[in-house]
PDB file of all heavy atoms in Angstrom:
ATOM      1  N   ASP A   1      92.045  95.861  96.798  1.00  0.00           N
ATOM      2  CA  ASP A   1      91.127  96.641  95.961  1.00  0.00           C
ATOM      3  C   ASP A   1      89.710  96.613  96.536  1.00  0.00           C
ATOM      4  O   ASP A   1      89.006  97.633  96.537  1.00  0.00           O
ATOM      5  CB  ASP A   1      91.123  96.097  94.535  1.00  0.00           C
ATOM      6  CG  ASP A   1      92.448  96.316  93.815  1.00  0.00           C
ATOM      7  OD1 ASP A   1      93.278  97.112  94.304  1.00  0.00           O
ATOM      8  OD2 ASP A   1      92.660  95.673  92.763  1.00  0.00           O
ATOM      9  N   GLN A   2      89.275  95.439  97.042  1.00  0.00           N
ATOM     10  CA  GLN A   2      87.935  95.324  97.631  1.00  0.00           C
ATOM     11  C   GLN A   2      87.820  96.177  98.893  1.00  0.00           C
ATOM     12  O   GLN A   2      86.788  96.823  99.128  1.00  0.00           O
ATOM     13  CB  GLN A   2      87.638  93.860  97.948  1.00  0.00           C
ATOM     14  CG  GLN A   2      87.455  92.992  96.713  1.00  0.00           C
ATOM     15  CD  GLN A   2      87.674  91.514  96.992  1.00  0.00           C
ATOM     16  OE1 GLN A   2      87.854  91.093  98.135  1.00  0.00           O
ATOM     17  NE2 GLN A   2      87.677  90.715  95.936  1.00  0.00           N
ATOM     18  N   LEU A   3      88.870  96.191  99.702  1.00  0.00           N
ATOM     19  CA  LEU A   3      88.862  97.018 100.900  1.00  0.00           C
ATOM     20  C   LEU A   3      88.814  98.500 100.532  1.00  0.00           C
ATOM     21  O   LEU A   3      88.127  99.292 101.186  1.00  0.00           O
ATOM     22  CB  LEU A   3      90.084  96.717 101.765  1.00  0.00           C
ATOM     23  CG  LEU A   3      90.033  95.393 102.532  1.00  0.00           C
ATOM     24  CD1 LEU A   3      91.417  94.991 103.015  1.00  0.00           C
ATOM     25  CD2 LEU A   3      89.077  95.503 103.726  1.00  0.00           C
ATOM     26  N   ALA A   4      89.542  98.864  99.467  1.00  0.00           N
ATOM     27  CA  ALA A   4      89.511 100.257  99.013  1.00  0.00           C
ATOM     28  C   ALA A   4      88.109 100.637  98.535  1.00  0.00           C
ATOM     29  O   ALA A   4      87.631 101.740  98.805  1.00  0.00           O
ATOM     30  CB  ALA A   4      90.531 100.474  97.906  1.00  0.00           C
ATOM     31  N   GLU A   5      87.443  99.718  97.858  1.00  0.00           N
ATOM     32  CA  GLU A   5      86.070  99.975  97.417  1.00  0.00           C
ATOM     33  C   GLU A   5      85.138 100.170  98.610  1.00  0.00           C
ATOM     34  O   GLU A   5      84.126 100.876  98.512  1.00  0.00           O
ATOM     35  CB  GLU A   5      85.581  98.818  96.538  1.00  0.00           C
ATOM     36  CG  GLU A   5      86.234  98.784  95.162  1.00  0.00           C
ATOM     37  CD  GLU A   5      85.925  97.510  94.408  1.00  0.00           C
ATOM     38  OE1 GLU A   5      85.133  96.686  94.907  1.00  0.00           O
ATOM     39  OE2 GLU A   5      86.490  97.338  93.310  1.00  0.00           O
ATOM     40  N   ALA A   6      85.487  99.546  99.748  1.00  0.00           N
ATOM     41  CA  ALA A   6      84.687  99.683 100.972  1.00  0.00           C
ATOM     42  C   ALA A   6      85.083 100.919 101.779  1.00  0.00           C
ATOM     43  O   ALA A   6      84.544 101.140 102.870  1.00  0.00           O
ATOM     44  CB  ALA A   6      84.827  98.423 101.827  1.00  0.00           C
ATOM     45  N   GLY A   7      86.055 101.684 101.274  1.00  0.00           N
ATOM     46  CA  GLY A   7      86.409 102.944 101.922  1.00  0.00           C
ATOM     47  C   GLY A   7      87.693 102.954 102.718  1.00  0.00           C
ATOM     48  O   GLY A   7      88.007 103.945 103.382  1.00  0.00           O
ATOM     49  N   PHE A   8      88.459 101.862 102.656  1.00  0.00           N
ATOM     50  CA  PHE A   8      89.709 101.781 103.411  1.00  0.00           C
ATOM     51  C   PHE A   8      90.915 102.042 102.517  1.00  0.00           C
ATOM     52  O   PHE A   8      90.888 101.769 101.316  1.00  0.00           O
ATOM     53  CB  PHE A   8      89.864 100.389 104.041  1.00  0.00           C
ATOM     54  CG  PHE A   8      88.778 100.028 105.021  1.00  0.00           C
ATOM     55  CD1 PHE A   8      87.699  99.247 104.638  1.00  0.00           C
ATOM     56  CD2 PHE A   8      88.825 100.483 106.341  1.00  0.00           C
ATOM     57  CE1 PHE A   8      86.688  98.917 105.529  1.00  0.00           C
ATOM     58  CE2 PHE A   8      87.816 100.161 107.241  1.00  0.00           C
ATOM     59  CZ  PHE A   8      86.747  99.376 106.840  1.00  0.00           C
ATOM     60  N   VAL A   9      91.993 102.546 103.112  1.00  0.00           N
ATOM     61  CA  VAL A   9      93.287 102.625 102.447  1.00  0.00           C
ATOM     62  C   VAL A   9      94.015 101.323 102.784  1.00  0.00           C
ATOM     63  O   VAL A   9      94.375 101.092 103.940  1.00  0.00           O
ATOM     64  CB  VAL A   9      94.103 103.838 102.931  1.00  0.00           C
ATOM     65  CG1 VAL A   9      95.441 103.896 102.205  1.00  0.00           C
ATOM     66  CG2 VAL A   9      93.326 105.126 102.717  1.00  0.00           C
ATOM     67  N   ALA A  10      94.173 100.448 101.789  1.00  0.00           N
ATOM     68  CA  ALA A  10      94.696  99.095 102.033  1.00  0.00           C
ATOM     69  C   ALA A  10      96.129  98.972 101.530  1.00  0.00           C
ATOM     70  O   ALA A  10      96.445  99.390 100.415  1.00  0.00           O
ATOM     71  CB  ALA A  10      93.809  98.060 101.355  1.00  0.00           C
ATOM     72  N   LEU A  11      96.985  98.376 102.354  1.00  0.00           N
ATOM     73  CA  LEU A  11      98.412  98.279 102.048  1.00  0.00           C
ATOM     74  C   LEU A  11      98.891  96.870 102.369  1.00  0.00           C
ATOM     75  O   LEU A  11      98.792  96.413 103.511  1.00  0.00           O
ATOM     76  CB  LEU A  11      99.176  99.315 102.871  1.00  0.00           C
ATOM     77  CG  LEU A  11     100.666  99.516 102.592  1.00  0.00           C
ATOM     78  CD1 LEU A  11     100.914  99.886 101.142  1.00  0.00           C
ATOM     79  CD2 LEU A  11     101.235 100.588 103.517  1.00  0.00           C
ATOM     80  N   CYS A  12      99.405  96.162 101.356  1.00  0.00           N
ATOM     81  CA  CYS A  12      99.855  94.781 101.524  1.00  0.00           C
ATOM     82  C   CYS A  12     101.376  94.691 101.348  1.00  0.00           C
ATOM     83  O   CYS A  12     101.880  94.763 100.230  1.00  0.00           O
ATOM     84  CB  CYS A  12      99.159  93.878 100.503  1.00  0.00           C
ATOM     85  SG  CYS A  12      99.542  92.113 100.680  1.00  0.00           S
ATOM     86  N   PRO A  13     102.130  94.562 102.452  1.00  0.00           N
ATOM     87  CA  PRO A  13     103.592  94.540 102.364  1.00  0.00           C
ATOM     88  C   PRO A  13     104.129  93.187 101.917  1.00  0.00           C
ATOM     89  O   PRO A  13     103.527  92.142 102.187  1.00  0.00           O
ATOM     90  CB  PRO A  13     104.023  94.837 103.803  1.00  0.00           C
ATOM     91  CG  PRO A  13     102.917  94.271 104.644  1.00  0.00           C
ATOM     92  CD  PRO A  13     101.648  94.490 103.852  1.00  0.00           C
ATOM     93  N   ASP A  14     105.264  93.210 101.238  1.00  0.00           N
ATOM     94  CA  ASP A  14     105.960  91.993 100.816  1.00  0.00           C
ATOM     95  C   ASP A  14     106.735  91.439 102.017  1.00  0.00           C
ATOM     96  O   ASP A  14     107.871  91.832 102.273  1.00  0.00           O
ATOM     97  CB  ASP A  14     106.912  92.321  99.665  1.00  0.00           C
ATOM     98  CG  ASP A  14     107.734  91.122  99.217  1.00  0.00           C
ATOM     99  OD1 ASP A  14     107.457  89.993  99.694  1.00  0.00           O
ATOM    100  OD2 ASP A  14     108.655  91.302  98.404  1.00  0.00           O
ATOM    101  N   LEU A  15     106.121  90.512 102.738  1.00  0.00           N
ATOM    102  CA  LEU A  15     106.730  90.012 103.972  1.00  0.00           C
ATOM    103  C   LEU A  15     107.795  88.940 103.719  1.00  0.00           C
ATOM    104  O   LEU A  15     108.510  88.561 104.646  1.00  0.00           O
ATOM    105  CB  LEU A  15     105.643  89.468 104.904  1.00  0.00           C
ATOM    106  CG  LEU A  15     104.629  90.508 105.369  1.00  0.00           C
ATOM    107  CD1 LEU A  15     103.564  89.869 106.243  1.00  0.00           C
ATOM    108  CD2 LEU A  15     105.310  91.653 106.117  1.00  0.00           C
ATOM    109  N   PHE A  16     107.908  88.475 102.494  1.00  0.00           N
ATOM    110  CA  PHE A  16     108.955  87.495 102.153  1.00  0.00           C
ATOM    111  C   PHE A  16     110.209  88.171 101.603  1.00  0.00           C
ATOM    112  O   PHE A  16     111.132  87.494 101.152  1.00  0.00           O
ATOM    113  CB  PHE A  16     108.429  86.494 101.117  1.00  0.00           C
ATOM    114  CG  PHE A  16     107.500  85.448 101.670  1.00  0.00           C
ATOM    115  CD1 PHE A  16     106.632  84.769 100.826  1.00  0.00           C
ATOM    116  CD2 PHE A  16     107.494  85.111 103.013  1.00  0.00           C
ATOM    117  CE1 PHE A  16     105.777  83.781 101.317  1.00  0.00           C
ATOM    118  CE2 PHE A  16     106.642  84.133 103.522  1.00  0.00           C
ATOM    119  CZ  PHE A  16     105.778  83.463 102.652  1.00  0.00           C
ATOM    120  N   TRP A  17     110.271  89.501 101.639  1.00  0.00           N
ATOM    121  CA  TRP A  17     111.355  90.205 100.957  1.00  0.00           C
ATOM    122  C   TRP A  17     112.727  89.831 101.481  1.00  0.00           C
ATOM    123  O   TRP A  17     113.717  89.860 100.738  1.00  0.00           O
ATOM    124  CB  TRP A  17     111.154  91.723 101.067  1.00  0.00           C
ATOM    125  CG  TRP A  17     111.447  92.298 102.430  1.00  0.00           C
ATOM    126  CD1 TRP A  17     110.600  92.337 103.492  1.00  0.00           C
ATOM    127  CD2 TRP A  17     112.664  92.888 102.871  1.00  0.00           C
ATOM    128  NE1 TRP A  17     111.209  92.921 104.588  1.00  0.00           N
ATOM    129  CE2 TRP A  17     112.486  93.269 104.234  1.00  0.00           C
ATOM    130  CE3 TRP A  17     113.911  93.139 102.286  1.00  0.00           C
ATOM    131  CZ2 TRP A  17     113.490  93.876 104.987  1.00  0.00           C
ATOM    132  CZ3 TRP A  17     114.903  93.755 103.034  1.00  0.00           C
ATOM    133  CH2 TRP A  17     114.686  94.113 104.360  1.00  0.00           C
ATOM    134  N   ARG A  18     112.833  89.467 102.760  1.00  0.00           N
ATOM    135  CA  ARG A  18     114.139  89.092 103.317  1.00  0.00           C
ATOM    136  C   ARG A  18     114.627  87.766 102.745  1.00  0.00           C
ATOM    137  O   ARG A  18     115.837  87.495 102.760  1.00  0.00           O
ATOM    138  CB  ARG A  18     114.049  88.983 104.847  1.00  0.00           C
ATOM    139  CG  ARG A  18     113.688  90.289 105.568  1.00  0.00           C
ATOM    140  CD  ARG A  18     113.374  90.000 107.029  1.00  0.00           C
ATOM    141  NE  ARG A  18     112.796  91.140 107.729  1.00  0.00           N
ATOM    142  CZ  ARG A  18     113.424  91.854 108.658  1.00  0.00           C
ATOM    143  NH1 ARG A  18     114.664  91.557 108.995  1.00  0.00           N
ATOM    144  NH2 ARG A  18     112.817  92.857 109.261  1.00  0.00           N
ATOM    145  N   ILE A  19     113.686  86.916 102.299  1.00  0.00           N
ATOM    146  CA  ILE A  19     114.025  85.615 101.718  1.00  0.00           C
ATOM    147  C   ILE A  19     114.149  85.725 100.201  1.00  0.00           C
ATOM    148  O   ILE A  19     115.144  85.335  99.601  1.00  0.00           O
ATOM    149  CB  ILE A  19     112.937  84.571 102.061  1.00  0.00           C
ATOM    150  CG1 ILE A  19     112.650  84.555 103.553  1.00  0.00           C
ATOM    151  CG2 ILE A  19     113.350  83.178 101.565  1.00  0.00           C
ATOM    152  CD1 ILE A  19     111.344  83.871 103.913  1.00  0.00           C
ATOM    153  N   GLU A  20     113.095  86.266  99.591  1.00  0.00           N
ATOM    154  CA  GLU A  20     113.050  86.461  98.139  1.00  0.00           C
ATOM    155  C   GLU A  20     112.060  87.581  97.831  1.00  0.00           C
ATOM    156  O   GLU A  20     110.852  87.378  97.953  1.00  0.00           O
ATOM    157  CB  GLU A  20     112.618  85.173  97.425  1.00  0.00           C
ATOM    158  CG  GLU A  20     112.540  85.317  95.921  1.00  0.00           C
ATOM    159  CD  GLU A  20     111.991  84.073  95.220  1.00  0.00           C
ATOM    160  OE1 GLU A  20     112.154  82.963  95.763  1.00  0.00           O
ATOM    161  OE2 GLU A  20     111.401  84.232  94.147  1.00  0.00           O
ATOM    162  N   PRO A  21     112.539  88.741  97.421  1.00  0.00           N
ATOM    163  CA  PRO A  21     111.623  89.851  97.135  1.00  0.00           C
ATOM    164  C   PRO A  21     110.721  89.532  95.941  1.00  0.00           C
ATOM    165  O   PRO A  21     111.121  88.848  94.995  1.00  0.00           O
ATOM    166  CB  PRO A  21     112.565  91.019  96.816  1.00  0.00           C
ATOM    167  CG  PRO A  21     113.888  90.630  97.392  1.00  0.00           C
ATOM    168  CD  PRO A  21     113.945  89.142  97.287  1.00  0.00           C
ATOM    169  N   GLY A  22     109.494  90.045  96.014  1.00  0.00           N
ATOM    170  CA  GLY A  22     108.611  89.992  94.861  1.00  0.00           C
ATOM    171  C   GLY A  22     107.936  88.662  94.591  1.00  0.00           C
ATOM    172  O   GLY A  22     107.529  88.399  93.455  1.00  0.00           O
ATOM    173  N   VAL A  23     107.798  87.818  95.594  1.00  0.00           N
ATOM    174  CA  VAL A  23     107.108  86.535  95.380  1.00  0.00           C
ATOM    175  C   VAL A  23     105.651  86.810  95.001  1.00  0.00           C
ATOM    176  O   VAL A  23     104.943  87.559  95.665  1.00  0.00           O
ATOM    177  CB  VAL A  23     107.169  85.654  96.649  1.00  0.00           C
ATOM    178  CG1 VAL A  23     106.286  84.427  96.498  1.00  0.00           C
ATOM    179  CG2 VAL A  23     108.606  85.255  96.946  1.00  0.00           C
ATOM    180  N   ASP A  24     105.223  86.180  93.899  1.00  0.00           N
ATOM    181  CA  ASP A  24     103.865  86.350  93.382  1.00  0.00           C
ATOM    182  C   ASP A  24     103.485  85.051  92.685  1.00  0.00           C
ATOM    183  O   ASP A  24     103.659  84.897  91.482  1.00  0.00           O
ATOM    184  CB  ASP A  24     103.820  87.543  92.419  1.00  0.00           C
ATOM    185  CG  ASP A  24     102.452  87.766  91.802  1.00  0.00           C
ATOM    186  OD1 ASP A  24     101.535  86.957  92.050  1.00  0.00           O
ATOM    187  OD2 ASP A  24     102.302  88.750  91.046  1.00  0.00           O
ATOM    188  N   ILE A  25     102.977  84.079  93.473  1.00  0.00           N
ATOM    189  CA  ILE A  25     102.641  82.771  92.929  1.00  0.00           C
ATOM    190  C   ILE A  25     101.193  82.417  93.284  1.00  0.00           C
ATOM    191  O   ILE A  25     100.535  83.142  94.027  1.00  0.00           O
ATOM    192  CB  ILE A  25     103.608  81.670  93.429  1.00  0.00           C
ATOM    193  CG1 ILE A  25     103.613  81.595  94.964  1.00  0.00           C
ATOM    194  CG2 ILE A  25     105.022  81.925  92.902  1.00  0.00           C
ATOM    195  CD1 ILE A  25     104.535  80.516  95.525  1.00  0.00           C
ATOM    196  N   THR A  26     100.705  81.306  92.733  1.00  0.00           N
ATOM    197  CA  THR A  26      99.323  80.900  92.971  1.00  0.00           C
ATOM    198  C   THR A  26      99.292  79.548  93.680  1.00  0.00           C
ATOM    199  O   THR A  26     100.325  78.965  94.017  1.00  0.00           O
ATOM    200  CB  THR A  26      98.556  80.766  91.641  1.00  0.00           C
ATOM    201  OG1 THR A  26      98.946  79.557  90.984  1.00  0.00           O
ATOM    202  CG2 THR A  26      98.826  81.951  90.716  1.00  0.00           C
ATOM    203  N   ASP A  27      98.076  79.058  93.889  1.00  0.00           N
ATOM    204  CA  ASP A  27      97.874  77.739  94.499  1.00  0.00           C
ATOM    205  C   ASP A  27      97.498  76.699  93.440  1.00  0.00           C
ATOM    206  O   ASP A  27      96.900  75.679  93.744  1.00  0.00           O
ATOM    207  CB  ASP A  27      96.769  77.820  95.565  1.00  0.00           C
ATOM    208  CG  ASP A  27      95.429  78.251  94.984  1.00  0.00           C
ATOM    209  OD1 ASP A  27      95.410  78.800  93.856  1.00  0.00           O
ATOM    210  OD2 ASP A  27      94.396  78.041  95.635  1.00  0.00           O
ATOM    211  N   LYS A  28      97.871  76.956  92.180  1.00  0.00           N
ATOM    212  CA  LYS A  28      97.361  76.150  91.072  1.00  0.00           C
ATOM    213  C   LYS A  28      98.299  75.052  90.592  1.00  0.00           C
ATOM    214  O   LYS A  28      97.925  74.269  89.727  1.00  0.00           O
ATOM    215  CB  LYS A  28      97.022  77.063  89.878  1.00  0.00           C
ATOM    216  CG  LYS A  28      96.013  78.160  90.191  1.00  0.00           C
ATOM    217  CD  LYS A  28      94.734  77.613  90.765  1.00  0.00           C
ATOM    218  CE  LYS A  28      93.732  78.727  91.050  1.00  0.00           C
ATOM    219  NZ  LYS A  28      92.582  78.257  91.845  1.00  0.00           N
ATOM    220  N   SER A  29      99.523  74.978  91.119  1.00  0.00           N
ATOM    221  CA  SER A  29     100.433  73.914  90.671  1.00  0.00           C
ATOM    222  C   SER A  29     101.214  73.347  91.846  1.00  0.00           C
ATOM    223  O   SER A  29     101.419  74.019  92.863  1.00  0.00           O
ATOM    224  CB  SER A  29     101.412  74.446  89.618  1.00  0.00           C
ATOM    225  OG  SER A  29     102.374  75.309  90.208  1.00  0.00           O
ATOM    226  N   GLU A  30     101.662  72.105  91.701  1.00  0.00           N
ATOM    227  CA  GLU A  30     102.431  71.459  92.766  1.00  0.00           C
ATOM    228  C   GLU A  30     103.741  72.199  93.017  1.00  0.00           C
ATOM    229  O   GLU A  30     104.175  72.352  94.166  1.00  0.00           O
ATOM    230  CB  GLU A  30     102.704  69.995  92.403  1.00  0.00           C
ATOM    231  CG  GLU A  30     103.423  69.220  93.497  1.00  0.00           C
ATOM    232  CD  GLU A  30     103.669  67.775  93.133  1.00  0.00           C
ATOM    233  OE1 GLU A  30     103.185  67.326  92.089  1.00  0.00           O
ATOM    234  OE2 GLU A  30     104.372  67.085  93.906  1.00  0.00           O
ATOM    235  N   ALA A  31     104.367  72.675  91.940  1.00  0.00           N
ATOM    236  CA  ALA A  31     105.636  73.393  92.084  1.00  0.00           C
ATOM    237  C   ALA A  31     105.450  74.665  92.911  1.00  0.00           C
ATOM    238  O   ALA A  31     106.287  75.006  93.759  1.00  0.00           O
ATOM    239  CB  ALA A  31     106.201  73.735  90.705  1.00  0.00           C
ATOM    240  N   GLU A  32     104.330  75.365  92.684  1.00  0.00           N
ATOM    241  CA  GLU A  32     104.075  76.590  93.433  1.00  0.00           C
ATOM    242  C   GLU A  32     103.787  76.281  94.905  1.00  0.00           C
ATOM    243  O   GLU A  32     104.222  77.012  95.799  1.00  0.00           O
ATOM    244  CB  GLU A  32     102.910  77.355  92.803  1.00  0.00           C
ATOM    245  CG  GLU A  32     103.276  78.022  91.480  1.00  0.00           C
ATOM    246  CD  GLU A  32     102.082  78.648  90.801  1.00  0.00           C
ATOM    247  OE1 GLU A  32     101.105  77.934  90.493  1.00  0.00           O
ATOM    248  OE2 GLU A  32     102.114  79.879  90.568  1.00  0.00           O
ATOM    249  N   TRP A  33     103.057  75.205  95.163  1.00  0.00           N
ATOM    250  CA  TRP A  33     102.803  74.795  96.544  1.00  0.00           C
ATOM    251  C   TRP A  33     104.111  74.478  97.260  1.00  0.00           C
ATOM    252  O   TRP A  33     104.318  74.883  98.417  1.00  0.00           O
ATOM    253  CB  TRP A  33     101.868  73.582  96.586  1.00  0.00           C
ATOM    254  CG  TRP A  33     100.415  73.945  96.594  1.00  0.00           C
ATOM    255  CD1 TRP A  33      99.543  73.896  95.546  1.00  0.00           C
ATOM    256  CD2 TRP A  33      99.666  74.422  97.712  1.00  0.00           C
ATOM    257  NE1 TRP A  33      98.303  74.316  95.941  1.00  0.00           N
ATOM    258  CE2 TRP A  33      98.328  74.634  97.263  1.00  0.00           C
ATOM    259  CE3 TRP A  33      99.974  74.684  99.050  1.00  0.00           C
ATOM    260  CZ2 TRP A  33      97.323  75.094  98.108  1.00  0.00           C
ATOM    261  CZ3 TRP A  33      98.961  75.137  99.893  1.00  0.00           C
ATOM    262  CH2 TRP A  33      97.661  75.339  99.427  1.00  0.00           C
ATOM    263  N   LYS A  34     104.997  73.756  96.581  1.00  0.00           N
ATOM    264  CA  LYS A  34     106.296  73.405  97.188  1.00  0.00           C
ATOM    265  C   LYS A  34     107.084  74.666  97.517  1.00  0.00           C
ATOM    266  O   LYS A  34     107.685  74.778  98.599  1.00  0.00           O
ATOM    267  CB  LYS A  34     107.097  72.504  96.246  1.00  0.00           C
ATOM    268  CG  LYS A  34     106.607  71.063  96.201  1.00  0.00           C
ATOM    269  CD  LYS A  34     107.494  70.222  95.298  1.00  0.00           C
ATOM    270  CE  LYS A  34     107.067  68.758  95.320  1.00  0.00           C
ATOM    271  NZ  LYS A  34     107.868  67.926  94.400  1.00  0.00           N
ATOM    272  N   LYS A  35     107.085  75.608  96.575  1.00  0.00           N
ATOM    273  CA  LYS A  35     107.802  76.868  96.813  1.00  0.00           C
ATOM    274  C   LYS A  35     107.171  77.620  97.977  1.00  0.00           C
ATOM    275  O   LYS A  35     107.875  78.151  98.848  1.00  0.00           O
ATOM    276  CB  LYS A  35     107.794  77.732  95.559  1.00  0.00           C
ATOM    277  CG  LYS A  35     108.463  79.088  95.782  1.00  0.00           C
ATOM    278  CD  LYS A  35     108.746  79.816  94.486  1.00  0.00           C
ATOM    279  CE  LYS A  35     109.522  81.089  94.777  1.00  0.00           C
ATOM    280  NZ  LYS A  35     110.036  81.739  93.567  1.00  0.00           N
ATOM    281  N   ALA A  36     105.830  77.656  98.017  1.00  0.00           N
ATOM    282  CA  ALA A  36     105.128  78.375  99.083  1.00  0.00           C
ATOM    283  C   ALA A  36     105.466  77.800 100.454  1.00  0.00           C
ATOM    284  O   ALA A  36     105.725  78.542 101.401  1.00  0.00           O
ATOM    285  CB  ALA A  36     103.622  78.334  98.831  1.00  0.00           C
ATOM    286  N   PHE A  37     105.469  76.479 100.559  1.00  0.00           N
ATOM    287  CA  PHE A  37     105.777  75.859 101.855  1.00  0.00           C
ATOM    288  C   PHE A  37     107.237  76.087 102.251  1.00  0.00           C
ATOM    289  O   PHE A  37     107.550  76.272 103.428  1.00  0.00           O
ATOM    290  CB  PHE A  37     105.460  74.364 101.822  1.00  0.00           C
ATOM    291  CG  PHE A  37     104.012  74.059 102.077  1.00  0.00           C
ATOM    292  CD1 PHE A  37     103.239  73.436 101.117  1.00  0.00           C
ATOM    293  CD2 PHE A  37     103.409  74.404 103.282  1.00  0.00           C
ATOM    294  CE1 PHE A  37     101.898  73.162 101.341  1.00  0.00           C
ATOM    295  CE2 PHE A  37     102.067  74.126 103.529  1.00  0.00           C
ATOM    296  CZ  PHE A  37     101.311  73.507 102.547  1.00  0.00           C
ATOM    297  N   SER A  38     108.140  76.089 101.268  1.00  0.00           N
ATOM    298  CA  SER A  38     109.554  76.345 101.591  1.00  0.00           C
ATOM    299  C   SER A  38     109.745  77.777 102.065  1.00  0.00           C
ATOM    300  O   SER A  38     110.529  78.044 102.988  1.00  0.00           O
ATOM    301  CB  SER A  38     110.444  76.050 100.378  1.00  0.00           C
ATOM    302  OG  SER A  38     110.284  77.017  99.362  1.00  0.00           O
TER     303      SER A  38
END
């Protein structure tokens, strides 16, 4: 969104889709960190 505000067409692909589509987690819990590293 910030890049779009600066005039760019920004596209963020789901690069984990081959493992698990739709991953959307944060850095706020130990469980999420463990999942992210795996």
